[in-house]
Amino acid sequence: MTFLLDLNTLKMGIYDFARILGILLDNAIEASKECEEKIINITFREDERNHRQLIIIENTYNNKDVDTEKIFEKGISEKENHTGLGLWEVRKIIKKNNNINLFTSKKDKFFSQQLELY
């Protein structure tokens, strides 16, 4: 775990930040525990050149067909007996804050969520 972000300078409300981080970490844990290699990488850092704070969560995952747009829709979940509201709620929080972006991507080994705070 890398931690290079001063939370005193956080550019969003702590409740919203904790809610987003909790959902993203819960999803990373759930996805990686199904994998042979159970890996989660978390990076917190200041990007001073671009005047933003970055939180990057990468995890191993099995479902290589996952649709990185559809997962944000209400009611969509790969977890058994879950409501599918977590990432939908993340998107709601991001939409009400004009200084936050979330970029979701997937590669062969890692699924990645990059939260950017301006």
PDB file of N, CA and C in Angstrom:
ATOM      1  N   MET A   1       0.850  -1.177   0.000  1.00  0.00           N
ATOM      2  CA  MET A   1       0.000   0.000   0.000  1.00  0.00           C
ATOM      3  C   MET A   1       0.890   1.232   0.000  1.00  0.00           C
ATOM      4  N   THR A   2       0.566   2.164  -0.870  1.00  0.00           N
ATOM      5  CA  THR A   2       1.281   3.427  -0.945  1.00  0.00           C
ATOM      6  C   THR A   2       0.357   4.513  -0.433  1.00  0.00           C
ATOM      7  N   PHE A   3       0.854   5.374   0.460  1.00  0.00           N
ATOM      8  CA  PHE A   3       0.000   6.425   0.996  1.00  0.00           C
ATOM      9  C   PHE A   3       0.758   7.738   0.982  1.00  0.00           C
ATOM     10  N   LEU A   4       0.478   8.562  -0.021  1.00  0.00           N
ATOM     11  CA  LEU A   4       1.155   9.844  -0.166  1.00  0.00           C
ATOM     12  C   LEU A   4       0.157  10.975  -0.343  1.00  0.00           C
ATOM     13  N   LEU A   5      -0.991  10.886   0.295  1.00  0.00           N
ATOM     14  CA  LEU A   5      -2.038  11.885   0.157  1.00  0.00           C
ATOM     15  C   LEU A   5      -2.384  12.442   1.521  1.00  0.00           C
ATOM     16  N   ASP A   6      -2.334  13.764   1.658  1.00  0.00           N
ATOM     17  CA  ASP A   6      -2.695  14.427   2.913  1.00  0.00           C
ATOM     18  C   ASP A   6      -4.209  14.589   2.936  1.00  0.00           C
ATOM     19  N   LEU A   7      -4.890  13.812   3.755  1.00  0.00           N
ATOM     20  CA  LEU A   7      -6.346  13.852   3.795  1.00  0.00           C
ATOM     21  C   LEU A   7      -6.875  15.182   4.324  1.00  0.00           C
ATOM     22  N   ASN A   8      -6.021  15.981   4.959  1.00  0.00           N
ATOM     23  CA  ASN A   8      -6.432  17.314   5.400  1.00  0.00           C
ATOM     24  C   ASN A   8      -6.698  18.235   4.215  1.00  0.00           C
ATOM     25  N   THR A   9      -6.147  17.902   3.065  1.00  0.00           N
ATOM     26  CA  THR A   9      -6.341  18.733   1.871  1.00  0.00           C
ATOM     27  C   THR A   9      -7.344  18.107   0.908  1.00  0.00           C
ATOM     28  N   LEU A  10      -8.080  17.130   1.378  1.00  0.00           N
ATOM     29  CA  LEU A  10      -9.052  16.428   0.545  1.00  0.00           C
ATOM     30  C   LEU A  10     -10.042  17.415  -0.063  1.00  0.00           C
ATOM     31  N   LYS A  11     -10.266  17.294  -1.346  1.00  0.00           N
ATOM     32  CA  LYS A  11     -11.100  18.248  -2.070  1.00  0.00           C
ATOM     33  C   LYS A  11     -12.538  17.761  -2.227  1.00  0.00           C
ATOM     34  N   MET A  12     -13.047  17.078  -1.204  1.00  0.00           N
ATOM     35  CA  MET A  12     -14.452  16.650  -1.180  1.00  0.00           C
ATOM     36  C   MET A  12     -14.833  16.329   0.255  1.00  0.00           C
ATOM     37  N   GLY A  13     -16.117  16.213   0.520  1.00  0.00           N
ATOM     38  CA  GLY A  13     -16.596  15.883   1.857  1.00  0.00           C
ATOM     39  C   GLY A  13     -16.107  14.516   2.289  1.00  0.00           C
ATOM     40  N   ILE A  14     -15.747  14.390   3.545  1.00  0.00           N
ATOM     41  CA  ILE A  14     -15.174  13.146   4.053  1.00  0.00           C
ATOM     42  C   ILE A  14     -16.184  11.996   3.987  1.00  0.00           C
ATOM     43  N   TYR A  15     -17.479  12.272   4.185  1.00  0.00           N
ATOM     44  CA  TYR A  15     -18.477  11.201   4.116  1.00  0.00           C
ATOM     45  C   TYR A  15     -18.531  10.624   2.701  1.00  0.00           C
ATOM     46  N   ASP A  16     -18.631  11.511   1.695  1.00  0.00           N
ATOM     47  CA  ASP A  16     -18.680  11.043   0.309  1.00  0.00           C
ATOM     48  C   ASP A  16     -17.399  10.300  -0.058  1.00  0.00           C
ATOM     49  N   PHE A  17     -16.262  10.818   0.389  1.00  0.00           N
ATOM     50  CA  PHE A  17     -14.982  10.172   0.113  1.00  0.00           C
ATOM     51  C   PHE A  17     -14.955   8.769   0.725  1.00  0.00           C
ATOM     52  N   ALA A  18     -15.353   8.662   1.979  1.00  0.00           N
ATOM     53  CA  ALA A  18     -15.352   7.370   2.665  1.00  0.00           C
ATOM     54  C   ALA A  18     -16.338   6.398   2.009  1.00  0.00           C
ATOM     55  N   ARG A  19     -17.476   6.896   1.565  1.00  0.00           N
ATOM     56  CA  ARG A  19     -18.482   6.050   0.925  1.00  0.00           C
ATOM     57  C   ARG A  19     -17.946   5.480  -0.397  1.00  0.00           C
ATOM     58  N   ILE A  20     -17.363   6.359  -1.231  1.00  0.00           N
ATOM     59  CA  ILE A  20     -16.798   5.915  -2.498  1.00  0.00           C
ATOM     60  C   ILE A  20     -15.680   4.912  -2.260  1.00  0.00           C
ATOM     61  N   LEU A  21     -14.763   5.259  -1.375  1.00  0.00           N
ATOM     62  CA  LEU A  21     -13.625   4.387  -1.099  1.00  0.00           C
ATOM     63  C   LEU A  21     -14.094   3.033  -0.565  1.00  0.00           C
ATOM     64  N   GLY A  22     -15.077   3.045   0.323  1.00  0.00           N
ATOM     65  CA  GLY A  22     -15.611   1.803   0.877  1.00  0.00           C
ATOM     66  C   GLY A  22     -16.207   0.901  -0.190  1.00  0.00           C
ATOM     67  N   ILE A  23     -16.978   1.481  -1.089  1.00  0.00           N
ATOM     68  CA  ILE A  23     -17.609   0.699  -2.162  1.00  0.00           C
ATOM     69  C   ILE A  23     -16.549   0.136  -3.098  1.00  0.00           C
ATOM     70  N   LEU A  24     -15.595   0.977  -3.513  1.00  0.00           N
ATOM     71  CA  LEU A  24     -14.558   0.511  -4.442  1.00  0.00           C
ATOM     72  C   LEU A  24     -13.690  -0.578  -3.816  1.00  0.00           C
ATOM     73  N   LEU A  25     -13.352  -0.416  -2.540  1.00  0.00           N
ATOM     74  CA  LEU A  25     -12.538  -1.438  -1.858  1.00  0.00           C
ATOM     75  C   LEU A  25     -13.326  -2.730  -1.662  1.00  0.00           C
ATOM     76  N   ASP A  26     -14.590  -2.625  -1.297  1.00  0.00           N
ATOM     77  CA  ASP A  26     -15.426  -3.813  -1.125  1.00  0.00           C
ATOM     78  C   ASP A  26     -15.509  -4.592  -2.437  1.00  0.00           C
ATOM     79  N   ASN A  27     -15.699  -3.874  -3.536  1.00  0.00           N
ATOM     80  CA  ASN A  27     -15.771  -4.539  -4.841  1.00  0.00           C
ATOM     81  C   ASN A  27     -14.443  -5.193  -5.208  1.00  0.00           C
ATOM     82  N   ALA A  28     -13.335  -4.508  -4.920  1.00  0.00           N
ATOM     83  CA  ALA A  28     -12.009  -5.061  -5.222  1.00  0.00           C
ATOM     84  C   ALA A  28     -11.763  -6.336  -4.420  1.00  0.00           C
ATOM     85  N   ILE A  29     -12.140  -6.318  -3.159  1.00  0.00           N
ATOM     86  CA  ILE A  29     -11.960  -7.485  -2.296  1.00  0.00           C
ATOM     87  C   ILE A  29     -12.808  -8.652  -2.801  1.00  0.00           C
ATOM     88  N   GLU A  30     -14.078  -8.379  -3.102  1.00  0.00           N
ATOM     89  CA  GLU A  30     -14.981  -9.424  -3.597  1.00  0.00           C
ATOM     90  C   GLU A  30     -14.465 -10.046  -4.893  1.00  0.00           C
ATOM     91  N   ALA A  31     -13.983  -9.207  -5.817  1.00  0.00           N
ATOM     92  CA  ALA A  31     -13.514  -9.721  -7.109  1.00  0.00           C
ATOM     93  C   ALA A  31     -12.218 -10.505  -6.963  1.00  0.00           C
ATOM     94  N   SER A  32     -11.289  -9.992  -6.168  1.00  0.00           N
ATOM     95  CA  SER A  32      -9.981 -10.652  -6.076  1.00  0.00           C
ATOM     96  C   SER A  32     -10.044 -11.955  -5.278  1.00  0.00           C
ATOM     97  N   LYS A  33     -10.984 -12.065  -4.349  1.00  0.00           N
ATOM     98  CA  LYS A  33     -11.033 -13.298  -3.552  1.00  0.00           C
ATOM     99  C   LYS A  33     -11.465 -14.500  -4.376  1.00  0.00           C
ATOM    100  N   GLU A  34     -12.049 -14.259  -5.553  1.00  0.00           N
ATOM    101  CA  GLU A  34     -12.436 -15.340  -6.455  1.00  0.00           C
ATOM    102  C   GLU A  34     -11.281 -15.786  -7.361  1.00  0.00           C
ATOM    103  N   CYS A  35     -10.161 -15.084  -7.300  1.00  0.00           N
ATOM    104  CA  CYS A  35      -9.039 -15.346  -8.206  1.00  0.00           C
ATOM    105  C   CYS A  35      -7.995 -16.253  -7.558  1.00  0.00           C
ATOM    106  N   GLU A  36      -7.220 -16.898  -8.406  1.00  0.00           N
ATOM    107  CA  GLU A  36      -6.103 -17.690  -7.905  1.00  0.00           C
ATOM    108  C   GLU A  36      -5.097 -16.779  -7.199  1.00  0.00           C
ATOM    109  N   GLU A  37      -4.730 -15.672  -7.868  1.00  0.00           N
ATOM    110  CA  GLU A  37      -3.871 -14.657  -7.247  1.00  0.00           C
ATOM    111  C   GLU A  37      -4.770 -13.573  -6.687  1.00  0.00           C
ATOM    112  N   LYS A  38      -4.773 -13.430  -5.364  1.00  0.00           N
ATOM    113  CA  LYS A  38      -5.642 -12.465  -4.705  1.00  0.00           C
ATOM    114  C   LYS A  38      -4.826 -11.196  -4.430  1.00  0.00           C
ATOM    115  N   ILE A  39      -4.866 -10.251  -5.394  1.00  0.00           N
ATOM    116  CA  ILE A  39      -4.024  -9.057  -5.297  1.00  0.00           C
ATOM    117  C   ILE A  39      -4.885  -7.808  -5.376  1.00  0.00           C
ATOM    118  N   ILE A  40      -4.640  -6.883  -4.457  1.00  0.00           N
ATOM    119  CA  ILE A  40      -5.245  -5.551  -4.497  1.00  0.00           C
ATOM    120  C   ILE A  40      -4.122  -4.550  -4.283  1.00  0.00           C
ATOM    121  N   ASN A  41      -3.996  -3.609  -5.203  1.00  0.00           N
ATOM    122  CA  ASN A  41      -3.029  -2.512  -5.073  1.00  0.00           C
ATOM    123  C   ASN A  41      -3.798  -1.220  -4.871  1.00  0.00           C
ATOM    124  N   ILE A  42      -3.415  -0.447  -3.857  1.00  0.00           N
ATOM    125  CA  ILE A  42      -4.062   0.831  -3.587  1.00  0.00           C
ATOM    126  C   ILE A  42      -2.977   1.907  -3.570  1.00  0.00           C
ATOM    127  N   THR A  43      -3.206   2.968  -4.337  1.00  0.00           N
ATOM    128  CA  THR A  43      -2.254   4.072  -4.376  1.00  0.00           C
ATOM    129  C   THR A  43      -2.994   5.371  -4.093  1.00  0.00           C
ATOM    130  N   PHE A  44      -2.488   6.149  -3.160  1.00  0.00           N
ATOM    131  CA  PHE A  44      -2.977   7.504  -2.873  1.00  0.00           C
ATOM    132  C   PHE A  44      -1.823   8.437  -3.209  1.00  0.00           C
ATOM    133  N   ARG A  45      -2.069   9.442  -4.063  1.00  0.00           N
ATOM    134  CA  ARG A  45      -0.978  10.370  -4.327  1.00  0.00           C
ATOM    135  C   ARG A  45      -1.474  11.708  -4.837  1.00  0.00           C
ATOM    136  N   GLU A  46      -0.630  12.714  -4.645  1.00  0.00           N
ATOM    137  CA  GLU A  46      -0.845  14.054  -5.177  1.00  0.00           C
ATOM    138  C   GLU A  46      -0.228  14.111  -6.559  1.00  0.00           C
ATOM    139  N   ASP A  47      -0.965  14.632  -7.514  1.00  0.00           N
ATOM    140  CA  ASP A  47      -0.429  14.908  -8.841  1.00  0.00           C
ATOM    141  C   ASP A  47      -0.364  16.432  -8.938  1.00  0.00           C
ATOM    142  N   GLU A  48       0.714  16.992  -8.419  1.00  0.00           N
ATOM    143  CA  GLU A  48       0.833  18.444  -8.326  1.00  0.00           C
ATOM    144  C   GLU A  48       0.869  19.104  -9.692  1.00  0.00           C
ATOM    145  N   ARG A  49       1.471  18.459 -10.656  1.00  0.00           N
ATOM    146  CA  ARG A  49       1.572  19.036 -11.995  1.00  0.00           C
ATOM    147  C   ARG A  49       0.183  19.290 -12.600  1.00  0.00           C
ATOM    148  N   ASN A  50      -0.746  18.371 -12.361  1.00  0.00           N
ATOM    149  CA  ASN A  50      -2.104  18.509 -12.898  1.00  0.00           C
ATOM    150  C   ASN A  50      -3.114  18.968 -11.843  1.00  0.00           C
ATOM    151  N   HIS A  51      -2.624  19.360 -10.674  1.00  0.00           N
ATOM    152  CA  HIS A  51      -3.456  19.907  -9.582  1.00  0.00           C
ATOM    153  C   HIS A  51      -4.610  18.968  -9.217  1.00  0.00           C
ATOM    154  N   ARG A  52      -4.272  17.729  -8.946  1.00  0.00           N
ATOM    155  CA  ARG A  52      -5.298  16.758  -8.582  1.00  0.00           C
ATOM    156  C   ARG A  52      -4.739  15.753  -7.583  1.00  0.00           C
ATOM    157  N   GLN A  53      -5.665  15.105  -6.887  1.00  0.00           N
ATOM    158  CA  GLN A  53      -5.338  14.004  -5.990  1.00  0.00           C
ATOM    159  C   GLN A  53      -5.836  12.727  -6.659  1.00  0.00           C
ATOM    160  N   LEU A  54      -5.052  11.669  -6.566  1.00  0.00           N
ATOM    161  CA  LEU A  54      -5.401  10.410  -7.212  1.00  0.00           C
ATOM    162  C   LEU A  54      -5.504   9.280  -6.193  1.00  0.00           C
ATOM    163  N   ILE A  55      -6.537   8.489  -6.334  1.00  0.00           N
ATOM    164  CA  ILE A  55      -6.673   7.255  -5.578  1.00  0.00           C
ATOM    165  C   ILE A  55      -6.898   6.168  -6.628  1.00  0.00           C
ATOM    166  N   ILE A  56      -5.984   5.222  -6.694  1.00  0.00           N
ATOM    167  CA  ILE A  56      -6.063   4.160  -7.703  1.00  0.00           C
ATOM    168  C   ILE A  56      -6.178   2.814  -6.990  1.00  0.00           C
ATOM    169  N   ILE A  57      -7.213   2.078  -7.343  1.00  0.00           N
ATOM    170  CA  ILE A  57      -7.436   0.743  -6.780  1.00  0.00           C
ATOM    171  C   ILE A  57      -7.403  -0.244  -7.934  1.00  0.00           C
ATOM    172  N   GLU A  58      -6.472  -1.186  -7.858  1.00  0.00           N
ATOM    173  CA  GLU A  58      -6.351  -2.234  -8.873  1.00  0.00           C
ATOM    174  C   GLU A  58      -6.511  -3.577  -8.183  1.00  0.00           C
ATOM    175  N   ASN A  59      -7.206  -4.481  -8.847  1.00  0.00           N
ATOM    176  CA  ASN A  59      -7.374  -5.814  -8.272  1.00  0.00           C
ATOM    177  C   ASN A  59      -7.427  -6.857  -9.371  1.00  0.00           C
ATOM    178  N   THR A  60      -7.032  -8.082  -9.001  1.00  0.00           N
ATOM    179  CA  THR A  60      -7.206  -9.201  -9.914  1.00  0.00           C
ATOM    180  C   THR A  60      -8.705  -9.486 -10.010  1.00  0.00           C
ATOM    181  N   TYR A  61      -9.110 -10.080 -11.143  1.00  0.00           N
ATOM    182  CA  TYR A  61     -10.527 -10.376 -11.366  1.00  0.00           C
ATOM    183  C   TYR A  61     -10.653 -11.506 -12.378  1.00  0.00           C
ATOM    184  N   ASN A  62     -11.757 -12.218 -12.305  1.00  0.00           N
ATOM    185  CA  ASN A  62     -11.973 -13.355 -13.199  1.00  0.00           C
ATOM    186  C   ASN A  62     -12.844 -13.018 -14.403  1.00  0.00           C
ATOM    187  N   ASN A  63     -13.857 -12.193 -14.235  1.00  0.00           N
ATOM    188  CA  ASN A  63     -14.808 -11.915 -15.309  1.00  0.00           C
ATOM    189  C   ASN A  63     -14.222 -10.909 -16.302  1.00  0.00           C
ATOM    190  N   LYS A  64     -13.479 -11.416 -17.272  1.00  0.00           N
ATOM    191  CA  LYS A  64     -12.829 -10.549 -18.270  1.00  0.00           C
ATOM    192  C   LYS A  64     -13.845  -9.910 -19.209  1.00  0.00           C
ATOM    193  N   ASP A  65     -15.098 -10.377 -19.200  1.00  0.00           N
ATOM    194  CA  ASP A  65     -16.149  -9.818 -20.053  1.00  0.00           C
ATOM    195  C   ASP A  65     -16.923  -8.700 -19.359  1.00  0.00           C
ATOM    196  N   VAL A  66     -16.550  -8.325 -18.158  1.00  0.00           N
ATOM    197  CA  VAL A  66     -17.278  -7.298 -17.418  1.00  0.00           C
ATOM    198  C   VAL A  66     -17.363  -6.009 -18.244  1.00  0.00           C
ATOM    199  N   ASP A  67     -18.576  -5.431 -18.294  1.00  0.00           N
ATOM    200  CA  ASP A  67     -18.832  -4.201 -19.037  1.00  0.00           C
ATOM    201  C   ASP A  67     -18.576  -3.027 -18.088  1.00  0.00           C
ATOM    202  N   THR A  68     -17.534  -2.250 -18.354  1.00  0.00           N
ATOM    203  CA  THR A  68     -17.116  -1.182 -17.431  1.00  0.00           C
ATOM    204  C   THR A  68     -18.077   0.001 -17.417  1.00  0.00           C
ATOM    205  N   GLU A  69     -19.064   0.035 -18.268  1.00  0.00           N
ATOM    206  CA  GLU A  69     -20.111   1.057 -18.208  1.00  0.00           C
ATOM    207  C   GLU A  69     -21.361   0.514 -17.524  1.00  0.00           C
ATOM    208  N   LYS A  70     -21.747  -0.700 -17.886  1.00  0.00           N
ATOM    209  CA  LYS A  70     -22.980  -1.298 -17.364  1.00  0.00           C
ATOM    210  C   LYS A  70     -22.925  -1.510 -15.843  1.00  0.00           C
ATOM    211  N   ILE A  71     -21.729  -1.724 -15.283  1.00  0.00           N
ATOM    212  CA  ILE A  71     -21.615  -1.984 -13.835  1.00  0.00           C
ATOM    213  C   ILE A  71     -22.078  -0.802 -12.990  1.00  0.00           C
ATOM    214  N   PHE A  72     -22.202   0.380 -13.594  1.00  0.00           N
ATOM    215  CA  PHE A  72     -22.644   1.568 -12.855  1.00  0.00           C
ATOM    216  C   PHE A  72     -24.155   1.746 -12.875  1.00  0.00           C
ATOM    217  N   GLU A  73     -24.859   0.880 -13.597  1.00  0.00           N
ATOM    218  CA  GLU A  73     -26.314   0.978 -13.672  1.00  0.00           C
ATOM    219  C   GLU A  73     -26.951   0.437 -12.393  1.00  0.00           C
ATOM    220  N   LYS A  74     -28.064   1.032 -12.029  1.00  0.00           N
ATOM    221  CA  LYS A  74     -28.795   0.608 -10.834  1.00  0.00           C
ATOM    222  C   LYS A  74     -29.250  -0.836 -10.981  1.00  0.00           C
ATOM    223  N   GLY A  75     -28.986  -1.644  -9.949  1.00  0.00           N
ATOM    224  CA  GLY A  75     -29.442  -3.032  -9.935  1.00  0.00           C
ATOM    225  C   GLY A  75     -28.492  -4.028 -10.568  1.00  0.00           C
ATOM    226  N   ILE A  76     -27.354  -3.571 -11.094  1.00  0.00           N
ATOM    227  CA  ILE A  76     -26.384  -4.477 -11.718  1.00  0.00           C
ATOM    228  C   ILE A  76     -25.374  -4.928 -10.672  1.00  0.00           C
ATOM    229  N   SER A  77     -25.236  -6.237 -10.501  1.00  0.00           N
ATOM    230  CA  SER A  77     -24.272  -6.771  -9.544  1.00  0.00           C
ATOM    231  C   SER A  77     -23.840  -8.162  -9.984  1.00  0.00           C
ATOM    232  N   GLU A  78     -22.564  -8.438  -9.810  1.00  0.00           N
ATOM    233  CA  GLU A  78     -22.066  -9.793 -10.062  1.00  0.00           C
ATOM    234  C   GLU A  78     -22.052 -10.602  -8.772  1.00  0.00           C
ATOM    235  N   LYS A  79     -22.322  -9.935  -7.654  1.00  0.00           N
ATOM    236  CA  LYS A  79     -22.301 -10.610  -6.360  1.00  0.00           C
ATOM    237  C   LYS A  79     -23.669 -11.236  -6.082  1.00  0.00           C
ATOM    238  N   GLU A  80     -23.643 -12.439  -5.602  1.00  0.00           N
ATOM    239  CA  GLU A  80     -24.883 -13.132  -5.281  1.00  0.00           C
ATOM    240  C   GLU A  80     -25.581 -12.446  -4.113  1.00  0.00           C
ATOM    241  N   ASN A  81     -26.901 -12.264  -4.216  1.00  0.00           N
ATOM    242  CA  ASN A  81     -27.733 -11.653  -3.177  1.00  0.00           C
ATOM    243  C   ASN A  81     -27.335 -10.204  -2.859  1.00  0.00           C
ATOM    244  N   HIS A  82     -26.884  -9.453  -3.853  1.00  0.00           N
ATOM    245  CA  HIS A  82     -26.565  -8.036  -3.669  1.00  0.00           C
ATOM    246  C   HIS A  82     -27.503  -7.198  -4.516  1.00  0.00           C
ATOM    247  N   THR A  83     -27.695  -5.941  -4.104  1.00  0.00           N
ATOM    248  CA  THR A  83     -28.675  -5.071  -4.753  1.00  0.00           C
ATOM    249  C   THR A  83     -28.144  -4.376  -6.000  1.00  0.00           C
ATOM    250  N   GLY A  84     -26.845  -4.294  -6.168  1.00  0.00           N
ATOM    251  CA  GLY A  84     -26.301  -3.597  -7.323  1.00  0.00           C
ATOM    252  C   GLY A  84     -26.401  -2.091  -7.202  1.00  0.00           C
ATOM    253  N   LEU A  85     -26.359  -1.588  -5.974  1.00  0.00           N
ATOM    254  CA  LEU A  85     -26.478  -0.139  -5.764  1.00  0.00           C
ATOM    255  C   LEU A  85     -25.143   0.542  -5.497  1.00  0.00           C
ATOM    256  N   GLY A  86     -24.096  -0.213  -5.213  1.00  0.00           N
ATOM    257  CA  GLY A  86     -22.819   0.381  -4.820  1.00  0.00           C
ATOM    258  C   GLY A  86     -22.228   1.311  -5.864  1.00  0.00           C
ATOM    259  N   LEU A  87     -21.934   0.789  -7.057  1.00  0.00           N
ATOM    260  CA  LEU A  87     -21.327   1.633  -8.087  1.00  0.00           C
ATOM    261  C   LEU A  87     -22.315   2.653  -8.633  1.00  0.00           C
ATOM    262  N   TRP A  88     -23.605   2.341  -8.596  1.00  0.00           N
ATOM    263  CA  TRP A  88     -24.625   3.316  -8.973  1.00  0.00           C
ATOM    264  C   TRP A  88     -24.568   4.503  -8.002  1.00  0.00           C
ATOM    265  N   GLU A  89     -24.400   4.211  -6.716  1.00  0.00           N
ATOM    266  CA  GLU A  89     -24.278   5.268  -5.712  1.00  0.00           C
ATOM    267  C   GLU A  89     -22.990   6.074  -5.911  1.00  0.00           C
ATOM    268  N   VAL A  90     -21.899   5.403  -6.254  1.00  0.00           N
ATOM    269  CA  VAL A  90     -20.641   6.094  -6.547  1.00  0.00           C
ATOM    270  C   VAL A  90     -20.858   7.094  -7.687  1.00  0.00           C
ATOM    271  N   ARG A  91     -21.509   6.655  -8.741  1.00  0.00           N
ATOM    272  CA  ARG A  91     -21.756   7.549  -9.877  1.00  0.00           C
ATOM    273  C   ARG A  91     -22.619   8.744  -9.462  1.00  0.00           C
ATOM    274  N   LYS A  92     -23.617   8.524  -8.595  1.00  0.00           N
ATOM    275  CA  LYS A  92     -24.456   9.626  -8.099  1.00  0.00           C
ATOM    276  C   LYS A  92     -23.617  10.665  -7.352  1.00  0.00           C
ATOM    277  N   ILE A  93     -22.715  10.205  -6.481  1.00  0.00           N
ATOM    278  CA  ILE A  93     -21.853  11.115  -5.719  1.00  0.00           C
ATOM    279  C   ILE A  93     -20.951  11.901  -6.667  1.00  0.00           C
ATOM    280  N   ILE A  94     -20.403  11.232  -7.648  1.00  0.00           N
ATOM    281  CA  ILE A  94     -19.506  11.893  -8.596  1.00  0.00           C
ATOM    282  C   ILE A  94     -20.262  12.955  -9.397  1.00  0.00           C
ATOM    283  N   LYS A  95     -21.484  12.648  -9.798  1.00  0.00           N
ATOM    284  CA  LYS A  95     -22.272  13.608 -10.583  1.00  0.00           C
ATOM    285  C   LYS A  95     -22.606  14.872  -9.797  1.00  0.00           C
ATOM    286  N   LYS A  96     -22.772  14.760  -8.472  1.00  0.00           N
ATOM    287  CA  LYS A  96     -23.126  15.952  -7.689  1.00  0.00           C
ATOM    288  C   LYS A  96     -21.899  16.780  -7.300  1.00  0.00           C
ATOM    289  N   ASN A  97     -20.705  16.285  -7.576  1.00  0.00           N
ATOM    290  CA  ASN A  97     -19.458  17.008  -7.310  1.00  0.00           C
ATOM    291  C   ASN A  97     -18.780  17.283  -8.652  1.00  0.00           C
ATOM    292  N   ASN A  98     -18.566  18.534  -8.986  1.00  0.00           N
ATOM    293  CA  ASN A  98     -17.991  18.846 -10.293  1.00  0.00           C
ATOM    294  C   ASN A  98     -16.473  18.777 -10.321  1.00  0.00           C
ATOM    295  N   ASN A  99     -15.856  18.340  -9.232  1.00  0.00           N
ATOM    296  CA  ASN A  99     -14.388  18.265  -9.175  1.00  0.00           C
ATOM    297  C   ASN A  99     -13.882  16.833  -9.000  1.00  0.00           C
ATOM    298  N   ILE A 100     -14.721  15.845  -9.363  1.00  0.00           N
ATOM    299  CA  ILE A 100     -14.353  14.439  -9.190  1.00  0.00           C
ATOM    300  C   ILE A 100     -14.582  13.691 -10.496  1.00  0.00           C
ATOM    301  N   ASN A 101     -13.644  12.838 -10.855  1.00  0.00           N
ATOM    302  CA  ASN A 101     -13.801  11.925 -11.988  1.00  0.00           C
ATOM    303  C   ASN A 101     -13.423  10.525 -11.532  1.00  0.00           C
ATOM    304  N   LEU A 102     -14.040   9.533 -12.152  1.00  0.00           N
ATOM    305  CA  LEU A 102     -13.680   8.147 -11.912  1.00  0.00           C
ATOM    306  C   LEU A 102     -13.480   7.484 -13.265  1.00  0.00           C
ATOM    307  N   PHE A 103     -12.301   6.897 -13.445  1.00  0.00           N
ATOM    308  CA  PHE A 103     -11.987   6.192 -14.680  1.00  0.00           C
ATOM    309  C   PHE A 103     -11.837   4.706 -14.368  1.00  0.00           C
ATOM    310  N   THR A 104     -12.611   3.900 -15.064  1.00  0.00           N
ATOM    311  CA  THR A 104     -12.621   2.458 -14.861  1.00  0.00           C
ATOM    312  C   THR A 104     -12.004   1.796 -16.081  1.00  0.00           C
ATOM    313  N   SER A 105     -11.083   0.871 -15.838  1.00  0.00           N
ATOM    314  CA  SER A 105     -10.470   0.157 -16.957  1.00  0.00           C
ATOM    315  C   SER A 105     -10.153  -1.267 -16.538  1.00  0.00           C
ATOM    316  N   LYS A 106      -9.877  -2.088 -17.535  1.00  0.00           N
ATOM    317  CA  LYS A 106      -9.505  -3.474 -17.265  1.00  0.00           C
ATOM    318  C   LYS A 106      -8.404  -3.878 -18.221  1.00  0.00           C
ATOM    319  N   LYS A 107      -7.492  -4.646 -17.684  1.00  0.00           N
ATOM    320  CA  LYS A 107      -6.407  -5.211 -18.477  1.00  0.00           C
ATOM    321  C   LYS A 107      -6.424  -6.707 -18.242  1.00  0.00           C
ATOM    322  N   ASP A 108      -5.458  -7.412 -18.801  1.00  0.00           N
ATOM    323  CA  ASP A 108      -5.437  -8.866 -18.659  1.00  0.00           C
ATOM    324  C   ASP A 108      -5.503  -9.317 -17.204  1.00  0.00           C
ATOM    325  N   LYS A 109      -4.692  -8.690 -16.357  1.00  0.00           N
ATOM    326  CA  LYS A 109      -4.583  -9.152 -14.978  1.00  0.00           C
ATOM    327  C   LYS A 109      -5.393  -8.307 -13.989  1.00  0.00           C
ATOM    328  N   PHE A 110      -5.453  -6.983 -14.223  1.00  0.00           N
ATOM    329  CA  PHE A 110      -6.035  -6.094 -13.222  1.00  0.00           C
ATOM    330  C   PHE A 110      -7.235  -5.300 -13.729  1.00  0.00           C
ATOM    331  N   PHE A 111      -8.218  -5.185 -12.854  1.00  0.00           N
ATOM    332  CA  PHE A 111      -9.348  -4.274 -13.008  1.00  0.00           C
ATOM    333  C   PHE A 111      -8.956  -3.027 -12.231  1.00  0.00           C
ATOM    334  N   SER A 112      -9.192  -1.845 -12.773  1.00  0.00           N
ATOM    335  CA  SER A 112      -8.687  -0.631 -12.146  1.00  0.00           C
ATOM    336  C   SER A 112      -9.766   0.444 -12.039  1.00  0.00           C
ATOM    337  N   GLN A 113      -9.792   1.106 -10.888  1.00  0.00           N
ATOM    338  CA  GLN A 113     -10.635   2.274 -10.661  1.00  0.00           C
ATOM    339  C   GLN A 113      -9.702   3.415 -10.255  1.00  0.00           C
ATOM    340  N   GLN A 114      -9.716   4.509 -11.033  1.00  0.00           N
ATOM    341  CA  GLN A 114      -8.872   5.672 -10.711  1.00  0.00           C
ATOM    342  C   GLN A 114      -9.791   6.846 -10.389  1.00  0.00           C
ATOM    343  N   LEU A 115      -9.773   7.254  -9.124  1.00  0.00           N
ATOM    344  CA  LEU A 115     -10.561   8.381  -8.650  1.00  0.00           C
ATOM    345  C   LEU A 115      -9.673   9.619  -8.682  1.00  0.00           C
ATOM    346  N   GLU A 116     -10.135  10.666  -9.342  1.00  0.00           N
ATOM    347  CA  GLU A 116      -9.377  11.906  -9.457  1.00  0.00           C
ATOM    348  C   GLU A 116     -10.156  13.038  -8.809  1.00  0.00           C
ATOM    349  N   LEU A 117      -9.514  13.766  -7.920  1.00  0.00           N
ATOM    350  CA  LEU A 117     -10.108  14.896  -7.233  1.00  0.00           C
ATOM    351  C   LEU A 117      -9.377  16.157  -7.631  1.00  0.00           C
ATOM    352  N   TYR A 118     -10.099  17.144  -8.164  1.00  0.00           N
ATOM    353  CA  TYR A 118      -9.483  18.397  -8.604  1.00  0.00           C
ATOM    354  C   TYR A 118      -9.741  19.519  -7.631  1.00  0.00           C
TER     355      TYR A 118
END
